[in-house]
Protein backbone atom coordinates (compact mmCIF):
# COMPACT_ATOMS: atom_id res chain seq x y z
CA MET A 1 22.53 -23.38 19.68
CA LEU A 2 20.78 -20.44 21.31
CA LYS A 3 22.41 -21.27 24.64
CA GLY A 4 25.78 -21.26 22.89
CA PHE A 5 25.09 -17.92 21.31
CA PHE A 6 24.26 -16.31 24.71
CA THR A 7 27.39 -17.90 26.28
CA THR A 8 29.53 -16.36 23.52
CA PHE A 9 27.79 -13.04 23.92
CA ALA A 10 28.59 -13.08 27.65
CA ASN A 11 32.22 -14.03 26.91
CA CYS A 12 32.58 -10.81 25.16
CA PHE A 13 32.23 -8.90 28.37
CA LYS A 14 34.92 -11.04 29.96
CA ILE A 15 37.58 -9.49 27.81
CA PRO A 16 38.34 -5.93 29.18
CA GLU A 17 39.43 -4.55 25.85
CA LEU A 18 36.54 -5.87 23.91
CA LYS A 19 34.07 -4.77 26.59
CA SER A 20 35.32 -1.24 26.49
CA ARG A 21 35.15 -1.25 22.72
CA ILE A 22 31.53 -2.42 22.80
CA PHE A 23 30.49 0.26 25.41
CA PHE A 24 32.32 2.93 23.51
CA THR A 25 30.50 1.94 20.21
CA ILE A 26 27.18 1.91 21.96
CA LEU A 27 27.78 5.33 23.42
CA ILE A 28 28.77 6.95 20.11
CA LEU A 29 25.76 5.46 18.32
CA CYS A 30 23.47 6.98 21.02
CA VAL A 31 25.11 10.30 20.21
CA CYS A 32 24.40 9.71 16.51
CA ARG A 33 20.68 9.12 17.32
CA LEU A 34 20.61 12.43 19.29
CA ILE A 35 21.84 14.22 16.19
CA ALA A 36 18.98 12.75 14.11
CA MET A 37 16.36 13.66 16.82
CA ILE A 38 17.45 17.30 17.53
CA PRO A 39 15.54 19.64 14.98
CA VAL A 40 17.13 22.62 13.24
CA PRO A 41 16.26 25.84 15.16
CA GLY A 42 13.48 27.83 13.54
CA LEU A 43 11.67 24.81 11.71
CA ASP A 44 8.53 23.00 12.59
CA GLY A 45 9.74 19.40 12.32
CA ALA A 46 6.66 18.02 13.94
CA ALA A 47 4.45 19.17 10.89
CA LEU A 48 6.87 17.46 8.29
CA SER A 49 7.09 14.28 10.53
CA GLU A 50 3.18 14.08 10.57
CA PHE A 51 3.16 14.52 6.75
CA PHE A 52 5.55 11.60 6.18
CA LYS A 53 3.55 9.51 8.63
CA GLU A 54 0.38 10.05 6.58
CA LEU A 55 2.28 9.18 3.38
CA SER A 56 3.40 5.87 4.90
CA GLU A 57 -0.15 5.08 5.96
CA LYS A 58 -1.49 5.79 2.57
CA GLN A 59 1.40 3.52 1.15
CA GLU A 60 2.80 6.36 -0.86
CA GLY A 61 6.14 6.43 0.77
CA GLY A 62 8.21 5.01 -2.04
CA SER A 63 9.58 8.23 -3.07
CA LEU A 64 13.12 9.39 -3.27
CA LEU A 65 12.76 11.44 -0.08
CA SER A 66 11.33 8.60 1.81
CA MET A 67 14.29 6.36 0.81
CA TYR A 68 16.71 9.13 1.77
CA GLY A 69 14.96 9.62 5.04
CA LEU A 70 15.41 5.91 5.75
CA PHE A 71 19.20 6.25 5.50
CA THR A 72 19.22 9.29 7.77
CA GLY A 73 17.30 7.46 10.53
CA GLY A 74 14.27 9.62 10.19
CA ALA A 75 16.31 12.84 10.62
CA LEU A 76 14.92 14.26 7.41
CA GLN A 77 11.32 13.72 8.44
CA ARG A 78 12.01 15.59 11.74
CA CYS A 79 14.05 18.42 10.11
CA GLY A 80 16.92 17.16 12.25
CA ILE A 81 20.48 18.60 12.29
CA GLY A 82 21.57 15.22 10.92
CA SER A 83 19.17 15.47 7.88
CA LEU A 84 22.01 15.05 5.29
CA GLY A 85 23.12 11.97 7.22
CA ILE A 86 26.46 10.41 6.27
CA MET A 87 25.52 10.09 2.60
CA PRO A 88 27.63 13.19 1.52
CA TYR A 89 30.80 11.32 2.81
CA ILE A 90 29.67 8.05 1.10
CA SER A 91 29.20 9.99 -2.17
CA ALA A 92 32.65 11.77 -1.84
CA THR A 93 34.28 8.32 -1.03
CA ILE A 94 32.73 6.76 -4.22
CA ILE A 95 33.81 9.72 -6.40
CA ILE A 96 37.37 9.51 -5.13
CA GLN A 97 37.58 5.80 -5.67
CA LEU A 98 36.23 6.06 -9.20
CA MET A 99 38.69 8.89 -9.87
CA SER A 100 41.65 6.82 -8.52
CA ALA A 101 40.80 4.14 -11.08
CA VAL A 102 40.57 6.74 -14.01
CA VAL A 103 42.98 9.53 -13.10
CA PRO A 104 46.73 8.35 -13.29
CA ALA A 105 47.94 10.78 -10.61
CA LEU A 106 45.47 9.51 -7.96
CA SER A 107 46.19 5.93 -9.00
CA LYS A 108 49.90 6.43 -8.50
CA LEU A 109 49.26 8.29 -5.18
CA ALA A 110 47.17 5.37 -3.97
CA ARG A 111 50.13 2.93 -4.35
CA GLU A 112 52.64 5.21 -2.66
CA GLU A 113 53.48 5.01 1.08
CA GLY A 114 51.19 7.42 2.85
CA GLY A 115 49.12 7.87 -0.34
CA ARG A 116 45.93 6.34 1.21
CA THR A 117 45.97 8.83 3.98
CA LYS A 118 46.17 11.72 1.43
CA ILE A 119 43.27 10.19 -0.60
CA ILE A 120 41.16 10.06 2.68
CA GLN A 121 41.95 13.63 3.26
CA TYR A 122 40.77 14.58 -0.30
CA GLY A 123 37.64 12.69 0.48
CA ARG A 124 36.97 14.79 3.57
CA TYR A 125 37.53 17.99 1.58
CA LEU A 126 35.14 16.78 -1.09
CA THR A 127 32.59 15.78 1.79
CA LEU A 128 32.65 19.43 2.95
CA VAL A 129 31.92 20.78 -0.43
CA LEU A 130 28.97 18.38 -0.99
CA CYS A 131 27.60 19.19 2.35
CA LEU A 132 27.52 23.01 1.66
CA PHE A 133 25.78 22.26 -1.69
CA GLN A 134 23.29 19.74 -0.40
CA GLY A 135 22.66 21.84 2.77
CA ALA A 136 21.70 24.84 0.56
CA VAL A 137 19.38 22.68 -1.47
CA MET A 138 17.85 21.24 1.73
CA ALA A 139 17.38 24.73 3.17
CA LEU A 140 15.51 25.88 0.01
CA ALA A 141 13.42 22.78 0.17
CA TRP A 142 12.21 23.49 3.72
CA GLU A 143 11.69 27.07 2.68
CA ASN A 144 9.29 26.02 -0.06
CA PRO A 145 7.93 22.82 1.32
CA GLY A 146 4.89 22.73 -1.11
CA LYS A 147 7.23 22.23 -4.04
CA ALA A 148 9.75 19.95 -2.46
CA PHE A 149 7.20 17.63 -0.66
CA GLN A 150 4.37 17.19 -3.01
CA GLY A 151 0.98 17.33 -1.15
CA PHE A 152 2.31 19.22 1.84
CA GLN A 153 0.34 22.27 3.01
CA GLY A 154 1.72 24.91 5.22
CA ASP A 155 5.05 26.36 6.20
CA LEU A 156 7.92 24.75 8.03
CA ILE A 157 9.81 28.01 8.89
CA VAL A 158 8.57 29.45 12.13
CA ASN A 159 9.67 33.11 11.43
CA LYS A 160 10.31 34.38 7.92
CA ASP A 161 11.44 37.80 9.01
CA TRP A 162 15.03 36.62 9.20
CA ILE A 163 15.04 34.48 6.02
CA TRP A 164 18.81 34.99 5.24
CA MET A 165 19.83 34.24 8.81
CA TYR A 166 17.68 31.03 8.44
CA ARG A 167 19.51 30.02 5.15
CA ILE A 168 22.95 30.72 6.48
CA GLN A 169 22.43 29.00 9.89
CA THR A 170 20.74 25.88 8.29
CA VAL A 171 23.55 25.29 5.84
CA ILE A 172 26.11 25.59 8.67
CA ILE A 173 24.28 23.32 11.04
CA LEU A 174 23.53 20.64 8.39
CA THR A 175 27.19 20.73 7.35
CA THR A 176 28.37 20.48 10.92
CA GLY A 177 25.94 17.67 11.54
CA THR A 178 27.32 15.56 8.66
CA MET A 179 31.00 16.25 9.60
CA LEU A 180 30.32 15.34 13.22
CA LEU A 181 28.72 12.09 12.05
CA MET A 182 31.72 11.41 9.98
CA TRP A 183 34.22 12.12 12.87
CA LEU A 184 32.19 9.85 15.18
CA GLY A 185 32.16 7.08 12.59
CA GLU A 186 35.95 7.33 12.35
CA GLN A 187 36.21 7.17 16.14
CA ILE A 188 34.17 3.94 16.17
CA THR A 189 36.45 2.40 13.60
CA GLU A 190 39.59 3.46 15.60
CA ARG A 191 38.50 2.84 19.21
CA GLY A 192 35.32 0.80 18.92
CA ILE A 193 34.15 -2.36 17.20
CA GLY A 194 33.11 -2.65 13.54
CA ASN A 195 33.20 -0.22 10.63
CA GLY A 196 32.09 3.16 12.08
CA ILE A 197 30.63 4.73 8.96
CA SER A 198 28.66 1.63 8.21
CA LEU A 199 27.40 1.36 11.74
CA VAL A 200 26.11 4.95 11.59
CA ILE A 201 24.08 4.05 8.49
CA THR A 202 22.86 0.80 9.99
CA ILE A 203 21.72 2.25 13.29
CA GLY A 204 19.67 4.89 11.24
CA ILE A 205 18.02 2.17 9.35
CA LEU A 206 17.26 -0.05 12.43
CA ALA A 207 15.97 2.94 14.24
CA GLN A 208 12.83 2.88 12.22
CA LEU A 209 12.34 -0.87 12.63
CA PRO A 210 9.75 -0.35 15.52
CA GLN A 211 7.73 1.93 13.29
CA ALA A 212 7.78 -0.66 10.49
CA CYS A 213 6.71 -3.39 12.96
CA GLN A 214 3.78 -1.24 14.07
CA MET A 215 2.70 -0.74 10.37
CA LEU A 216 2.98 -4.44 9.76
CA LEU A 217 0.78 -5.22 12.78
CA GLU A 218 -1.75 -2.71 11.67
CA LEU A 219 -1.98 -4.66 8.30
CA PHE A 220 -3.45 -7.72 10.21
CA PHE A 221 -5.01 -5.93 13.18
CA PRO A 222 -6.65 -2.81 11.64
CA GLY A 223 -8.24 -1.31 14.76
CA GLU A 224 -11.83 -2.67 15.60
CA GLU A 225 -11.98 -5.05 12.62
CA VAL A 226 -9.50 -7.54 13.96
CA VAL A 227 -11.57 -10.66 13.47
CA LYS A 228 -12.74 -9.84 9.92
CA LYS A 229 -9.54 -8.66 8.39
CA PHE A 230 -6.85 -10.71 10.04
CA ASN A 231 -5.40 -13.31 7.78
CA LEU A 232 -3.16 -15.91 9.49
CA PHE A 233 -1.82 -17.25 6.21
CA HIS A 234 -0.66 -13.78 5.00
CA ALA A 235 1.14 -13.25 8.33
CA VAL A 236 2.88 -16.57 8.21
CA ALA A 237 3.83 -16.00 4.51
CA LEU A 238 5.40 -12.63 5.23
CA ILE A 239 7.41 -13.98 8.26
CA GLY A 240 8.58 -16.88 6.05
CA LEU A 241 9.52 -14.50 3.24
CA LEU A 242 11.49 -12.38 5.66
CA LEU A 243 13.45 -15.30 7.07
CA ALA A 244 14.15 -16.74 3.55
CA VAL A 245 15.30 -13.46 2.13
CA THR A 246 17.53 -12.72 5.14
CA ALA A 247 18.94 -16.21 5.09
CA ALA A 248 19.68 -16.00 1.42
CA THR A 249 21.34 -12.52 1.83
CA ILE A 250 23.60 -13.95 4.63
CA ALA A 251 24.48 -16.93 2.48
CA VAL A 252 25.36 -14.91 -0.63
CA THR A 253 27.22 -12.22 1.32
CA GLN A 254 29.49 -14.83 2.85
CA ALA A 255 29.79 -17.00 -0.17
CA GLN A 256 33.14 -17.03 -1.92
CA ARG A 257 35.03 -19.10 -4.55
CA LYS A 258 38.30 -20.33 -3.14
CA ILE A 259 41.07 -20.42 -5.68
CA PRO A 260 43.97 -22.64 -4.60
CA VAL A 261 47.46 -20.92 -4.63
CA GLN A 262 50.66 -22.82 -4.31
CA TYR A 263 53.89 -20.93 -3.13
CA ALA A 264 57.19 -22.44 -4.32
CA GLN A 265 60.38 -22.73 -2.05
CA ARG A 266 62.38 -19.62 -2.31
CA GLN A 267 65.21 -17.71 -0.63
CA VAL A 268 64.53 -14.42 1.08
CA GLY A 269 67.88 -12.92 2.19
CA ARG A 270 69.87 -15.58 3.92
CA LYS A 271 66.78 -17.71 4.84
CA MET A 272 65.11 -20.29 2.76
CA VAL A 273 61.34 -20.06 2.95
CA GLN A 274 59.55 -23.38 2.47
CA GLY A 275 56.72 -23.77 0.05
CA SER A 276 53.13 -23.52 1.22
CA SER A 277 49.52 -23.87 0.00
CA SER A 278 46.91 -21.25 0.53
CA PHE A 279 43.79 -20.02 -1.32
CA MET A 280 42.46 -16.80 -2.86
CA PRO A 281 38.86 -15.97 -1.73
CA LEU A 282 36.71 -14.48 -4.56
CA ARG A 283 33.43 -13.12 -3.04
CA VAL A 284 30.19 -13.72 -5.03
CA ASN A 285 28.82 -10.45 -4.13
CA TYR A 286 32.07 -8.52 -4.60
CA ALA A 287 30.37 -5.27 -5.45
CA GLY A 288 28.29 -5.23 -2.23
CA VAL A 289 25.40 -2.72 -2.17
CA MET A 290 27.07 -0.15 -4.53
CA PRO A 291 25.28 -1.22 -7.66
CA ILE A 292 21.88 -0.67 -6.13
CA ILE A 293 22.91 2.78 -4.91
CA PHE A 294 24.26 3.70 -8.23
CA ALA A 295 21.10 2.48 -10.00
CA GLN A 296 18.74 4.38 -7.61
CA ALA A 297 20.81 7.58 -7.80
CA LEU A 298 20.60 7.64 -11.66
CA LEU A 299 17.03 6.51 -12.09
CA MET A 300 15.67 9.30 -9.87
CA PHE A 301 16.50 11.91 -12.52
CA PRO A 302 14.25 10.82 -15.42
CA GLU A 303 11.04 11.10 -13.53
CA MET A 304 12.11 14.38 -11.98
CA LEU A 305 13.23 16.00 -15.16
CA LEU A 306 10.24 14.78 -17.29
CA SER A 307 7.72 15.84 -14.61
CA TRP A 308 9.27 19.25 -13.94
CA THR A 309 9.77 19.96 -17.76
CA GLY A 310 6.25 18.87 -18.45
CA ARG A 311 4.74 21.11 -15.89
CA VAL A 312 6.87 24.23 -16.68
CA LEU A 313 6.44 23.91 -20.51
CA GLU A 314 2.88 22.51 -20.15
CA ILE A 315 3.60 19.51 -22.33
CA LYS A 316 1.23 16.65 -21.44
CA LEU A 317 3.42 14.00 -23.19
CA LEU A 318 6.36 14.71 -20.95
CA GLN A 319 4.12 14.36 -17.88
CA ASP A 320 2.66 11.10 -19.20
CA LEU A 321 6.27 9.75 -19.82
CA SER A 322 7.31 10.65 -16.26
CA VAL A 323 4.69 8.20 -14.91
CA TYR A 324 6.37 5.27 -16.66
CA PHE A 325 9.60 6.02 -14.73
CA GLY A 326 7.79 5.97 -11.42
CA GLN A 327 8.88 3.37 -8.81
CA GLY A 328 7.09 0.00 -9.40
CA GLN A 329 6.29 0.75 -13.02
CA PRO A 330 7.40 -2.01 -15.61
CA VAL A 331 9.77 0.41 -17.49
CA TYR A 332 11.30 1.47 -14.18
CA VAL A 333 11.72 -2.07 -12.86
CA ILE A 334 13.34 -3.38 -16.12
CA THR A 335 15.69 -0.42 -16.43
CA TYR A 336 16.53 -0.82 -12.75
CA ALA A 337 17.36 -4.41 -13.08
CA LEU A 338 19.64 -3.88 -16.25
CA MET A 339 21.39 -1.01 -14.53
CA ILE A 340 22.16 -3.06 -11.38
CA ILE A 341 23.70 -5.86 -13.48
CA PHE A 342 25.74 -3.27 -15.47
CA PHE A 343 26.95 -1.51 -12.27
CA THR A 344 27.84 -4.85 -10.67
CA TYR A 345 30.27 -5.44 -13.43
CA PHE A 346 31.48 -1.94 -13.54
CA TRP A 347 32.25 -1.70 -9.81
CA THR A 348 33.91 -5.15 -9.82
CA ALA A 349 36.09 -4.21 -12.68
CA THR A 350 37.22 -1.04 -10.98
CA GLN A 351 37.89 -2.70 -7.68
CA PHE A 352 39.22 -6.13 -8.71
CA ASN A 353 42.52 -5.82 -10.67
CA GLU A 354 43.40 -9.22 -11.93
CA LEU A 355 46.48 -8.01 -13.68
CA GLN A 356 48.00 -6.64 -10.33
CA ILE A 357 47.00 -9.82 -8.50
CA SER A 358 48.73 -12.03 -11.16
CA ASP A 359 51.84 -9.93 -11.01
CA ASP A 360 51.97 -9.97 -7.21
CA LEU A 361 51.63 -13.79 -7.26
CA LYS A 362 54.55 -14.14 -9.72
CA LYS A 363 56.78 -11.85 -7.70
CA ASN A 364 56.06 -13.79 -4.50
CA GLY A 365 56.66 -17.18 -6.17
CA GLY A 366 53.04 -18.08 -6.18
CA TYR A 367 50.93 -19.74 -8.78
CA ILE A 368 47.52 -21.35 -9.32
CA PRO A 369 47.87 -25.19 -9.92
CA GLY A 370 47.30 -26.00 -13.50
CA VAL A 371 47.60 -22.28 -14.75
CA ARG A 372 50.78 -20.72 -15.99
CA PRO A 373 52.02 -17.69 -14.20
CA GLY A 374 51.63 -14.22 -15.93
CA GLN A 375 48.96 -13.52 -18.61
CA ALA A 376 47.41 -16.97 -18.33
CA THR A 377 46.79 -16.43 -14.52
CA CYS A 378 45.28 -12.98 -15.36
CA ASP A 379 42.98 -14.43 -17.95
CA PHE A 380 41.89 -17.29 -15.55
CA LEU A 381 40.96 -14.83 -12.74
CA HIS A 382 39.14 -12.47 -15.23
CA HIS A 383 37.04 -15.45 -16.52
CA THR A 384 36.38 -16.84 -13.07
CA MET A 385 35.38 -13.47 -11.58
CA SER A 386 33.02 -12.79 -14.62
CA ARG A 387 31.07 -15.99 -13.99
CA ILE A 388 30.89 -15.27 -10.18
CA THR A 389 29.85 -11.70 -10.76
CA LEU A 390 26.91 -12.80 -12.97
CA ALA A 391 25.53 -14.88 -9.99
CA GLY A 392 26.02 -11.90 -7.64
CA ALA A 393 24.28 -9.43 -10.18
CA PHE A 394 21.23 -11.64 -10.43
CA PHE A 395 21.04 -12.00 -6.69
CA LEU A 396 21.25 -8.18 -6.16
CA THR A 397 18.74 -7.68 -8.85
CA ILE A 398 16.21 -10.03 -7.08
CA ILE A 399 16.81 -8.44 -3.63
CA ALA A 400 16.40 -4.86 -5.01
CA VAL A 401 13.17 -5.61 -6.83
CA ILE A 402 11.49 -7.34 -3.86
CA PRO A 403 10.53 -4.20 -1.97
CA MET A 404 9.00 -2.61 -5.03
CA MET A 405 6.94 -5.71 -5.83
CA MET A 406 5.76 -5.96 -2.25
CA ALA A 407 4.70 -2.23 -2.14
CA ASP A 408 3.08 -2.22 -5.62
CA LYS A 409 1.38 -5.67 -5.77
CA ALA A 410 0.78 -6.62 -2.28
CA GLY A 411 -0.04 -3.22 -0.97
CA ILE A 412 2.55 -3.30 1.83
CA PRO A 413 3.83 0.14 3.07
CA TYR A 414 7.20 1.22 1.63
CA LEU A 415 8.92 1.37 5.09
CA VAL A 416 7.85 -2.30 5.85
CA SER A 417 8.85 -3.59 2.45
CA GLN A 418 12.38 -2.15 2.74
CA TYR A 419 13.10 -4.57 5.56
CA PHE A 420 12.30 -7.47 3.22
CA GLY A 421 15.04 -6.52 0.71
CA GLY A 422 16.77 -3.69 -0.98
CA THR A 423 19.71 -1.62 0.36
CA SER A 424 18.40 -1.66 3.87
CA LEU A 425 18.76 -5.46 4.21
CA LEU A 426 21.98 -5.73 2.46
CA ILE A 427 23.67 -2.98 4.47
CA SER A 428 22.30 -4.32 7.74
CA VAL A 429 23.26 -7.89 7.16
CA GLY A 430 26.85 -6.94 5.73
CA VAL A 431 27.53 -4.65 8.73
CA VAL A 432 26.28 -6.98 11.38
CA LEU A 433 28.32 -9.91 9.83
CA ASP A 434 31.48 -7.65 9.67
CA THR A 435 30.99 -6.54 13.29
CA MET A 436 30.58 -10.18 14.40
CA ARG A 437 33.78 -11.10 12.54
CA GLN A 438 35.77 -8.37 14.45
CA MET A 439 34.29 -9.61 17.80
CA GLU A 440 35.12 -13.17 16.90
CA SER A 441 38.76 -12.24 16.22
CA HIS A 442 38.97 -10.98 19.79
CA LEU A 443 37.38 -14.00 21.15
CA LEU A 444 39.57 -16.47 19.22
CA MET A 445 42.73 -14.66 20.17
CA ARG A 446 41.88 -15.46 23.80
CA HIS A 447 40.64 -19.03 23.03
CA TYR A 448 36.98 -18.41 23.40
CA ASP A 449 34.30 -19.84 21.00
CA GLY A 450 33.34 -17.30 18.43
CA PHE A 451 29.91 -16.44 16.82
CA LEU A 452 30.49 -17.57 13.30
CA GLN A 453 32.57 -20.74 13.94
CA GLY A 454 30.99 -23.66 15.85
CA LYS A 455 32.35 -26.75 17.40
CA LYS A 456 32.34 -28.76 14.22
CA GLY A 457 34.20 -26.14 12.13
CA ARG A 458 37.16 -25.93 14.34
CA LYS A 459 40.28 -27.84 13.71
CA GLY A 460 42.27 -29.14 16.65
CA PRO A 461 41.44 -29.09 20.39
CA ARG A 462 39.10 -26.49 21.61
CA LEU A 463 40.52 -24.52 24.58
CA ARG A 464 38.63 -22.69 27.31
CA GLY A 465 39.54 -19.80 29.45
CA ARG A 466 41.87 -16.87 29.03
CA PHE A 467 45.63 -16.22 28.81
């Protein structure tokens, strides 16, 4: 099996077009890493990076900033020009999609010819606005690091004599960094392999994998006390858990319910189109990683508001309540789980339009065997999708809670636990599978064996070579 994988990987470089796309993607991703590494002029990024490293060693890295830093590939910890990452573009895209489902004008525009291009353009404008706002907030946070990064002592600004120049240039640089990442991601989608924006996020997550592996090794080999503290059972259990969670994530990400669809014989123009059979794939995890992102984004406010209000008004009750909404606390975990289930159904409802699907089937002469066209088909799809979504919601909840349980109960650093579940694992697995599917399509077009389809899954003779 391993030999077949390497043979398939080698075949990717025998196809000139696919080889050029792979090299182009790798080159652009290297540029994205440079954007994360280069610090903003006038800031001491080394001091902030050392502070975050100490937090990780103390296993106190489960804060919102640490999670945001994970998605920026460590740029936030280094005061890099890519500290905002690609998240403003993701936020703008989500806002536009939700507005398209609610605002009739945008919904009508999305169905028109060329409307999708206009909506993408609106998303870019909104990204620029969000970058300017978030860049200003980030500049103020670096200006007052003691308040923004609890426990940090010292200054990040090298020279405070030109404070307004620092503020203006920081906002411009951070905005430019995000817009450049967005453009590079679009170039990968157009001229490379895979979804560019998703690959930019994934390469940032995987960039901190060596640091996470180092922390994991230090758990079992803590310096001079190797023989006393090393526990072989714990190491095997963690590796087994990582493999099990990754395998389950891959299985559920690819899982789908196939609804059979029959097309009747019909006349199109002067031609008679014969009837055919097909199927409609309904994905178990239709919402993807979006419910976890929504839940995390909303749950960061209660702790911040209660803690800040309690300190300003000197109300101890509010400060005590803020503790209950800290990551890993029972109240936080229960609320987090319920919000993931809710947003799974909410996102699926906004993206899966069973009424439009049933109308399209009826117009094209298609029907589900045993179900009448029209409203009955709509009800059948709604009922089927609701049951599938419940399984996907429970899966997302389990995956999202695993890192918190590992960090809180097992004492594993937050950076390490993120690779055992949560958004990091879901995004990485989903993007890798999507990229492999695109590579497989290039291979199968030229009659090579693909990554995801083996000898037993292929129907008909298997051909070798190229056209």
